[in-house]
Amino acid sequence: MRTLPEPDAWQDAVLDRIIEHLAATGAAFTADDAWDPMYGLDPGQVRPGELGAAFQRAHNRGAIRHVGYALSRRRARHGGLLRTWQGAVAA
């Protein structure tokens, strides 16, 4: 079984910046949007829990707010339920 390295501060900063960018659009978004190829996240290097923790940090800072739910579009998630977020300023 392959093990992933422990997250580094730089990775947290990258994830936080991706969420800030998504929030700044004013549109509703999900974690699926953070996996968009333009952001360059490698599923082999980022644990899903790390991305979830980044969303929690953004929510705790008041940068995003929960606005609903959606089904995942990612094959790996098999249509699992996701929270839908929106930038708090745009809310």
N, C-alpha and C. Protein backbone atom coordinates (compact mmCIF):
# COMPACT_ATOMS: atom_id res chain seq x y z
N MET A 1 0.84 -1.18 0.00
CA MET A 1 0.00 0.00 0.00
C MET A 1 0.89 1.25 0.00
N ARG A 2 0.53 2.19 -0.84
CA ARG A 2 1.28 3.43 -0.95
C ARG A 2 0.86 4.40 0.15
N THR A 3 1.82 5.02 0.79
CA THR A 3 1.51 6.01 1.81
C THR A 3 1.85 7.39 1.28
N LEU A 4 1.05 8.34 1.67
CA LEU A 4 1.25 9.72 1.25
C LEU A 4 2.07 10.47 2.29
N PRO A 5 2.87 11.44 1.84
CA PRO A 5 3.63 12.23 2.81
C PRO A 5 2.71 13.08 3.67
N GLU A 6 3.22 13.46 4.83
CA GLU A 6 2.46 14.35 5.71
C GLU A 6 2.33 15.71 5.03
N PRO A 7 1.20 16.37 5.24
CA PRO A 7 1.01 17.68 4.61
C PRO A 7 2.01 18.70 5.15
N ASP A 8 2.43 19.56 4.28
CA ASP A 8 3.35 20.64 4.66
C ASP A 8 2.59 21.95 4.70
N ALA A 9 3.21 22.93 5.33
CA ALA A 9 2.57 24.25 5.40
C ALA A 9 2.33 24.82 4.00
N TRP A 10 3.23 24.56 3.06
CA TRP A 10 3.05 25.10 1.70
C TRP A 10 1.81 24.51 1.06
N GLN A 11 1.53 23.23 1.33
CA GLN A 11 0.34 22.60 0.75
C GLN A 11 -0.93 23.22 1.34
N ASP A 12 -0.93 23.46 2.63
CA ASP A 12 -2.07 24.14 3.25
C ASP A 12 -2.28 25.51 2.61
N ALA A 13 -1.18 26.23 2.38
CA ALA A 13 -1.29 27.55 1.77
C ALA A 13 -1.84 27.47 0.35
N VAL A 14 -1.43 26.46 -0.41
CA VAL A 14 -1.94 26.29 -1.77
C VAL A 14 -3.44 25.99 -1.74
N LEU A 15 -3.86 25.09 -0.87
CA LEU A 15 -5.28 24.75 -0.77
C LEU A 15 -6.10 25.96 -0.34
N ASP A 16 -5.58 26.70 0.63
CA ASP A 16 -6.28 27.92 1.09
C ASP A 16 -6.42 28.91 -0.06
N ARG A 17 -5.39 29.06 -0.86
CA ARG A 17 -5.43 30.02 -1.98
C ARG A 17 -6.43 29.59 -3.05
N ILE A 18 -6.52 28.30 -3.31
CA ILE A 18 -7.50 27.79 -4.29
C ILE A 18 -8.91 28.13 -3.82
N ILE A 19 -9.19 27.90 -2.54
CA ILE A 19 -10.53 28.19 -2.00
C ILE A 19 -10.79 29.69 -2.04
N GLU A 20 -9.79 30.50 -1.72
CA GLU A 20 -9.97 31.95 -1.80
C GLU A 20 -10.31 32.37 -3.23
N HIS A 21 -9.65 31.76 -4.21
CA HIS A 21 -9.93 32.08 -5.61
C HIS A 21 -11.36 31.70 -5.98
N LEU A 22 -11.79 30.51 -5.58
CA LEU A 22 -13.15 30.06 -5.87
C LEU A 22 -14.17 30.98 -5.19
N ALA A 23 -13.89 31.37 -3.95
CA ALA A 23 -14.81 32.25 -3.21
C ALA A 23 -14.92 33.61 -3.87
N ALA A 24 -13.82 34.10 -4.43
CA ALA A 24 -13.81 35.43 -5.03
C ALA A 24 -14.66 35.52 -6.30
N THR A 25 -15.00 34.39 -6.90
CA THR A 25 -15.81 34.42 -8.11
C THR A 25 -17.25 34.85 -7.83
N GLY A 26 -17.69 34.66 -6.59
CA GLY A 26 -19.07 34.98 -6.24
C GLY A 26 -20.05 33.86 -6.54
N ALA A 27 -19.62 32.86 -7.30
CA ALA A 27 -20.48 31.73 -7.64
C ALA A 27 -20.40 30.65 -6.56
N ALA A 28 -21.45 29.84 -6.47
CA ALA A 28 -21.42 28.70 -5.57
C ALA A 28 -20.41 27.68 -6.11
N PHE A 29 -19.74 26.96 -5.20
CA PHE A 29 -18.73 25.99 -5.62
C PHE A 29 -18.67 24.84 -4.62
N THR A 30 -18.05 23.74 -5.04
CA THR A 30 -17.86 22.57 -4.18
C THR A 30 -16.39 22.18 -4.19
N ALA A 31 -16.05 21.19 -3.40
CA ALA A 31 -14.69 20.67 -3.40
C ALA A 31 -14.30 20.14 -4.78
N ASP A 32 -15.27 19.65 -5.55
CA ASP A 32 -14.96 19.19 -6.90
C ASP A 32 -14.30 20.29 -7.72
N ASP A 33 -14.72 21.52 -7.53
CA ASP A 33 -14.16 22.63 -8.29
C ASP A 33 -12.68 22.86 -7.98
N ALA A 34 -12.27 22.53 -6.75
CA ALA A 34 -10.86 22.69 -6.38
C ALA A 34 -9.97 21.69 -7.11
N TRP A 35 -10.56 20.60 -7.60
CA TRP A 35 -9.80 19.60 -8.35
C TRP A 35 -9.70 19.94 -9.83
N ASP A 36 -10.25 21.09 -10.24
CA ASP A 36 -10.16 21.51 -11.64
C ASP A 36 -8.68 21.49 -12.06
N PRO A 37 -8.39 20.97 -13.25
CA PRO A 37 -6.98 20.87 -13.69
C PRO A 37 -6.23 22.20 -13.67
N MET A 38 -6.93 23.32 -13.79
CA MET A 38 -6.21 24.60 -13.80
C MET A 38 -5.50 24.87 -12.48
N TYR A 39 -5.94 24.22 -11.39
CA TYR A 39 -5.29 24.41 -10.10
C TYR A 39 -4.11 23.46 -9.88
N GLY A 40 -4.03 22.41 -10.67
CA GLY A 40 -2.88 21.52 -10.63
C GLY A 40 -2.77 20.61 -9.42
N LEU A 41 -3.88 20.34 -8.72
CA LEU A 41 -3.81 19.42 -7.59
C LEU A 41 -3.61 18.00 -8.10
N ASP A 42 -2.74 17.27 -7.45
CA ASP A 42 -2.47 15.89 -7.80
C ASP A 42 -3.13 15.00 -6.75
N PRO A 43 -4.16 14.22 -7.14
CA PRO A 43 -4.83 13.35 -6.16
C PRO A 43 -3.88 12.38 -5.47
N GLY A 44 -2.75 12.10 -6.10
CA GLY A 44 -1.77 11.22 -5.48
C GLY A 44 -0.96 11.88 -4.40
N GLN A 45 -1.05 13.19 -4.30
CA GLN A 45 -0.28 13.92 -3.30
C GLN A 45 -1.13 14.66 -2.28
N VAL A 46 -2.42 14.77 -2.52
CA VAL A 46 -3.31 15.49 -1.61
C VAL A 46 -4.36 14.53 -1.08
N ARG A 47 -4.37 14.34 0.21
CA ARG A 47 -5.41 13.51 0.82
C ARG A 47 -6.73 14.28 0.78
N PRO A 48 -7.85 13.59 0.53
CA PRO A 48 -9.14 14.30 0.53
C PRO A 48 -9.41 15.02 1.85
N GLY A 49 -8.96 14.46 2.94
CA GLY A 49 -9.16 15.11 4.23
C GLY A 49 -8.44 16.43 4.35
N GLU A 50 -7.32 16.59 3.64
CA GLU A 50 -6.58 17.84 3.66
C GLU A 50 -7.38 18.94 2.98
N LEU A 51 -8.04 18.58 1.89
CA LEU A 51 -8.89 19.56 1.20
C LEU A 51 -10.09 19.92 2.09
N GLY A 52 -10.67 18.92 2.73
CA GLY A 52 -11.78 19.18 3.66
C GLY A 52 -11.36 20.10 4.80
N ALA A 53 -10.15 19.89 5.30
CA ALA A 53 -9.64 20.74 6.38
C ALA A 53 -9.45 22.18 5.90
N ALA A 54 -9.05 22.34 4.64
CA ALA A 54 -8.89 23.69 4.09
C ALA A 54 -10.24 24.40 3.99
N PHE A 55 -11.28 23.65 3.60
CA PHE A 55 -12.62 24.24 3.55
C PHE A 55 -13.07 24.63 4.97
N GLN A 56 -12.76 23.80 5.95
CA GLN A 56 -13.14 24.11 7.33
C GLN A 56 -12.41 25.36 7.82
N ARG A 57 -11.12 25.48 7.48
CA ARG A 57 -10.37 26.68 7.87
C ARG A 57 -11.00 27.93 7.26
N ALA A 58 -11.35 27.85 5.98
CA ALA A 58 -11.97 29.00 5.29
C ALA A 58 -13.31 29.36 5.92
N HIS A 59 -14.08 28.35 6.28
CA HIS A 59 -15.37 28.59 6.93
C HIS A 59 -15.16 29.22 8.30
N ASN A 60 -14.22 28.70 9.07
CA ASN A 60 -13.95 29.24 10.41
C ASN A 60 -13.46 30.68 10.36
N ARG A 61 -12.75 31.04 9.28
CA ARG A 61 -12.28 32.42 9.10
C ARG A 61 -13.39 33.34 8.64
N GLY A 62 -14.51 32.77 8.23
CA GLY A 62 -15.60 33.58 7.72
C GLY A 62 -15.45 33.92 6.25
N ALA A 63 -14.55 33.24 5.54
CA ALA A 63 -14.31 33.53 4.13
C ALA A 63 -15.36 32.91 3.23
N ILE A 64 -15.96 31.80 3.67
CA ILE A 64 -16.99 31.12 2.88
C ILE A 64 -18.15 30.74 3.79
N ARG A 65 -19.30 30.54 3.16
CA ARG A 65 -20.46 30.07 3.94
C ARG A 65 -21.15 28.95 3.17
N HIS A 66 -21.74 28.05 3.92
CA HIS A 66 -22.46 26.91 3.35
C HIS A 66 -23.78 27.39 2.78
N VAL A 67 -24.05 27.02 1.50
CA VAL A 67 -25.29 27.48 0.86
C VAL A 67 -26.15 26.34 0.31
N GLY A 68 -25.69 25.11 0.42
CA GLY A 68 -26.49 23.99 -0.08
C GLY A 68 -25.68 22.72 -0.23
N TYR A 69 -26.21 21.83 -1.05
CA TYR A 69 -25.57 20.54 -1.29
C TYR A 69 -25.60 20.22 -2.78
N ALA A 70 -24.69 19.37 -3.21
CA ALA A 70 -24.64 18.92 -4.60
C ALA A 70 -24.07 17.51 -4.62
N LEU A 71 -24.26 16.82 -5.73
CA LEU A 71 -23.66 15.51 -5.92
C LEU A 71 -22.33 15.68 -6.64
N SER A 72 -21.34 14.91 -6.22
CA SER A 72 -20.02 15.01 -6.81
C SER A 72 -20.03 14.61 -8.28
N ARG A 73 -19.24 15.32 -9.05
CA ARG A 73 -19.06 15.00 -10.47
C ARG A 73 -17.84 14.13 -10.70
N ARG A 74 -17.02 13.97 -9.67
CA ARG A 74 -15.78 13.21 -9.81
C ARG A 74 -16.05 11.71 -9.76
N ARG A 75 -15.45 11.01 -10.68
CA ARG A 75 -15.64 9.56 -10.76
C ARG A 75 -15.25 8.87 -9.45
N ALA A 76 -14.17 9.31 -8.84
CA ALA A 76 -13.69 8.70 -7.60
C ALA A 76 -14.68 8.83 -6.45
N ARG A 77 -15.58 9.81 -6.53
CA ARG A 77 -16.56 10.04 -5.45
C ARG A 77 -17.90 9.37 -5.70
N HIS A 78 -18.10 8.81 -6.90
CA HIS A 78 -19.31 8.03 -7.20
C HIS A 78 -20.60 8.78 -6.86
N GLY A 79 -20.66 10.06 -7.16
CA GLY A 79 -21.88 10.84 -6.92
C GLY A 79 -22.15 11.14 -5.46
N GLY A 80 -21.12 11.10 -4.62
CA GLY A 80 -21.29 11.38 -3.20
C GLY A 80 -21.76 12.81 -2.93
N LEU A 81 -22.36 13.01 -1.78
CA LEU A 81 -22.90 14.31 -1.40
C LEU A 81 -21.78 15.27 -1.00
N LEU A 82 -21.85 16.49 -1.49
CA LEU A 82 -20.88 17.53 -1.18
C LEU A 82 -21.62 18.77 -0.68
N ARG A 83 -20.96 19.53 0.17
CA ARG A 83 -21.49 20.85 0.52
C ARG A 83 -21.22 21.81 -0.62
N THR A 84 -22.11 22.76 -0.78
CA THR A 84 -21.92 23.84 -1.73
C THR A 84 -21.60 25.09 -0.91
N TRP A 85 -20.57 25.81 -1.35
CA TRP A 85 -20.08 26.98 -0.63
C TRP A 85 -20.17 28.21 -1.51
N GLN A 86 -20.11 29.35 -0.87
CA GLN A 86 -20.05 30.62 -1.59
C GLN A 86 -19.19 31.57 -0.77
N GLY A 87 -18.47 32.44 -1.45
CA GLY A 87 -17.68 33.43 -0.74
C GLY A 87 -18.57 34.26 0.17
N ALA A 88 -18.13 34.49 1.39
CA ALA A 88 -18.95 35.21 2.36
C ALA A 88 -19.24 36.64 1.93
N VAL A 89 -18.33 37.26 1.23
CA VAL A 89 -18.53 38.63 0.77
C VAL A 89 -19.63 38.67 -0.28
N ALA A 90 -19.67 37.62 -1.12
CA ALA A 90 -20.68 37.56 -2.18
C ALA A 90 -22.03 37.10 -1.66
N ALA A 91 -22.05 36.56 -0.45
CA ALA A 91 -23.29 35.96 0.08
C ALA A 91 -24.34 36.97 0.40
